[in-house]
Structures are given as structure tokens and as C-alpha cells.
Amino acid sequence: MIGSPCAGVVVRGEPPHRGSSVTRATLVVEWEIGSGGGFDWSGPYYDDGRNESPLLEVNVADWRIETTAAATRHIFEIEWPPFLDAGMIFRSDVGACALPALLCSSSGCALQASP
């Protein structure tokens, strides 16, 4: 288990695999029913100066959702450039959880004090 960024949210993950062109990780984010949880990507973003908004450099290769009577589980297979860090910021309708954020590098994923 990686940890709990806020009440009703649990994050688990496997160690990332670094390839020559991408780093890939499996993340499981579970929200208890009624926690009102969600997330936003904190990056990495690429801005080539020609787009109105930067492009997210995290590829969600697979995203499955499982629901039980107690929780909603999101299972992500994500990929990102191996020289950058990928991150998520969590939010909830029932309590603050913007910090800690989840930060994934080629060496592992962990909850951090800031993205």
C-alpha cells in the first residue's frame, strides 16, 4: 500500500517499470462509497507554445473501474516519460485531501507533501 491521501481514499501500487521510452506503473485508487472522492493530474505537462493549454504527458494505457457495496476502485496502467515525474492530486466532498499528492518517478510512487 502506498497510503491514504485523505479520509476514505486508499492508494496502492506496484513498483514502476522503466523502459527506454516510457516508465509504466499500475495504480489502484479506492474511494469508499460516500467519500465524494476524485482526482486531478498534476503533471507532467508539455507546453510547445502553440496550444492554448499544455498537454498532459501521462498516457492512461488502461483504466478499469470496479464497484462494490463499500467502495469504487479505479485501476490505472499509466505511462510517462522516464525522465519526468507523474502525479495526482486528490479531492473529496467530505474533507480536504489536496495534500498529500501522489508522485510517481521511475524509482517508485509515494505520497508527497506537494506535487
Protein backbone atom coordinates (compact mmCIF):
# COMPACT_ATOMS: atom_id res chain seq x y z
CA MET A 1 0.00 0.00 0.00
CA ILE A 2 1.25 3.49 -0.81
CA GLY A 3 -1.05 5.23 1.66
CA SER A 4 -4.18 7.25 2.30
CA PRO A 5 -4.13 10.83 0.99
CA CYS A 6 -7.40 11.64 2.78
CA ALA A 7 -10.30 10.04 4.63
CA GLY A 8 -11.97 7.32 2.59
CA VAL A 9 -9.24 7.10 -0.07
CA VAL A 10 -6.58 4.37 -0.27
CA VAL A 11 -3.83 4.19 -2.90
CA ARG A 12 -1.92 1.03 -3.74
CA GLY A 13 0.59 0.42 -6.47
CA GLU A 14 3.28 -1.79 -7.92
CA PRO A 15 6.84 -0.55 -8.46
CA PRO A 16 7.16 1.23 -11.83
CA HIS A 17 8.92 -0.42 -14.75
CA ARG A 18 11.27 1.87 -16.63
CA GLY A 19 11.67 1.21 -20.34
CA SER A 20 13.73 3.05 -22.93
CA SER A 21 10.89 5.38 -23.91
CA VAL A 22 8.39 5.29 -21.00
CA THR A 23 8.02 4.46 -17.34
CA ARG A 24 4.94 2.34 -16.63
CA ALA A 25 3.13 1.77 -13.32
CA THR A 26 -0.05 0.15 -12.07
CA LEU A 27 -2.02 2.19 -9.53
CA VAL A 28 -5.16 1.24 -7.62
CA VAL A 29 -7.13 4.13 -6.13
CA GLU A 30 -10.08 3.15 -3.95
CA TRP A 31 -12.75 5.55 -2.72
CA GLU A 32 -15.16 4.48 0.00
CA ILE A 33 -18.78 4.92 -1.03
CA GLY A 34 -19.90 8.35 0.21
CA SER A 35 -16.40 9.84 0.34
CA GLY A 36 -17.09 12.05 -2.69
CA GLY A 37 -13.55 11.48 -3.90
CA GLY A 38 -11.90 12.44 -7.15
CA PHE A 39 -8.51 13.30 -8.57
CA ASP A 40 -6.75 15.63 -10.98
CA TRP A 41 -3.45 15.05 -12.77
CA SER A 42 -0.66 17.31 -11.50
CA GLY A 43 1.59 16.51 -14.45
CA PRO A 44 3.83 16.27 -16.22
CA TYR A 45 2.55 18.68 -18.83
CA TYR A 46 4.18 19.67 -22.10
CA ASP A 47 3.71 23.18 -23.47
CA ASP A 48 5.01 23.65 -27.01
CA GLY A 49 3.84 27.28 -27.07
CA ARG A 50 1.33 26.61 -29.86
CA ASN A 51 -1.52 25.15 -27.81
CA GLU A 52 -3.98 27.09 -25.70
CA SER A 53 -3.38 24.66 -22.85
CA PRO A 54 -0.48 22.36 -22.05
CA LEU A 55 -0.76 18.69 -22.99
CA LEU A 56 -0.71 16.01 -20.30
CA GLU A 57 2.29 13.71 -20.77
CA VAL A 58 0.72 10.84 -18.84
CA ASN A 59 -0.75 8.15 -21.04
CA VAL A 60 -3.53 6.15 -19.39
CA ALA A 61 -2.91 2.85 -21.16
CA ASP A 62 -5.75 1.11 -19.30
CA TRP A 63 -8.38 2.26 -16.79
CA ARG A 64 -10.79 -0.17 -15.18
CA ILE A 65 -13.45 0.65 -12.60
CA GLU A 66 -14.82 -1.88 -10.12
CA THR A 67 -17.65 -1.11 -7.72
CA THR A 68 -18.56 -2.98 -4.55
CA ALA A 69 -21.07 -2.16 -1.82
CA ALA A 70 -18.29 -0.41 0.13
CA ALA A 71 -16.02 1.24 -2.45
CA THR A 72 -15.26 2.26 -6.02
CA ARG A 73 -11.88 1.02 -7.20
CA HIS A 74 -10.01 2.60 -10.13
CA ILE A 75 -7.18 0.52 -11.60
CA PHE A 76 -4.83 2.53 -13.80
CA GLU A 77 -1.98 1.45 -16.05
CA ILE A 78 -0.13 4.71 -16.66
CA GLU A 79 2.93 5.60 -18.74
CA TRP A 80 5.03 8.76 -18.74
CA PRO A 81 8.46 9.91 -19.99
CA PRO A 82 11.16 8.22 -17.86
CA PHE A 83 12.98 11.47 -17.05
CA LEU A 84 9.87 13.16 -15.59
CA ASP A 85 7.55 12.56 -12.60
CA ALA A 86 3.82 11.82 -12.90
CA GLY A 87 1.41 12.96 -10.24
CA MET A 88 -2.17 13.10 -8.96
CA ILE A 89 -3.86 15.49 -6.56
CA PHE A 90 -6.83 14.08 -4.65
CA ARG A 91 -10.04 15.86 -3.67
CA SER A 92 -13.10 14.99 -1.65
CA ASP A 93 -16.51 16.46 -0.95
CA VAL A 94 -16.33 15.38 2.69
CA GLY A 95 -12.89 16.64 3.72
CA ALA A 96 -9.73 18.25 2.45
CA CYS A 97 -7.29 15.95 0.71
CA ALA A 98 -5.41 18.06 -1.83
CA LEU A 99 -2.24 17.22 0.13
CA PRO A 100 -0.52 14.89 0.19
CA ALA A 101 -0.38 14.27 -3.53
CA LEU A 102 0.79 11.12 -5.27
CA LEU A 103 4.08 11.46 -7.12
CA CYS A 104 5.50 8.69 -9.34
CA SER A 105 9.06 8.65 -10.62
CA SER A 106 10.98 5.87 -12.31
CA SER A 107 12.12 4.72 -8.85
CA GLY A 108 8.64 4.45 -7.27
CA CYS A 109 5.35 6.08 -6.29
CA ALA A 110 4.75 7.77 -2.93
CA LEU A 111 2.58 10.35 -1.24
CA GLN A 112 4.32 13.73 -1.13
CA ALA A 113 3.67 16.94 0.77
CA SER A 114 3.18 18.80 -2.52
CA PRO A 115 3.03 17.84 -6.22
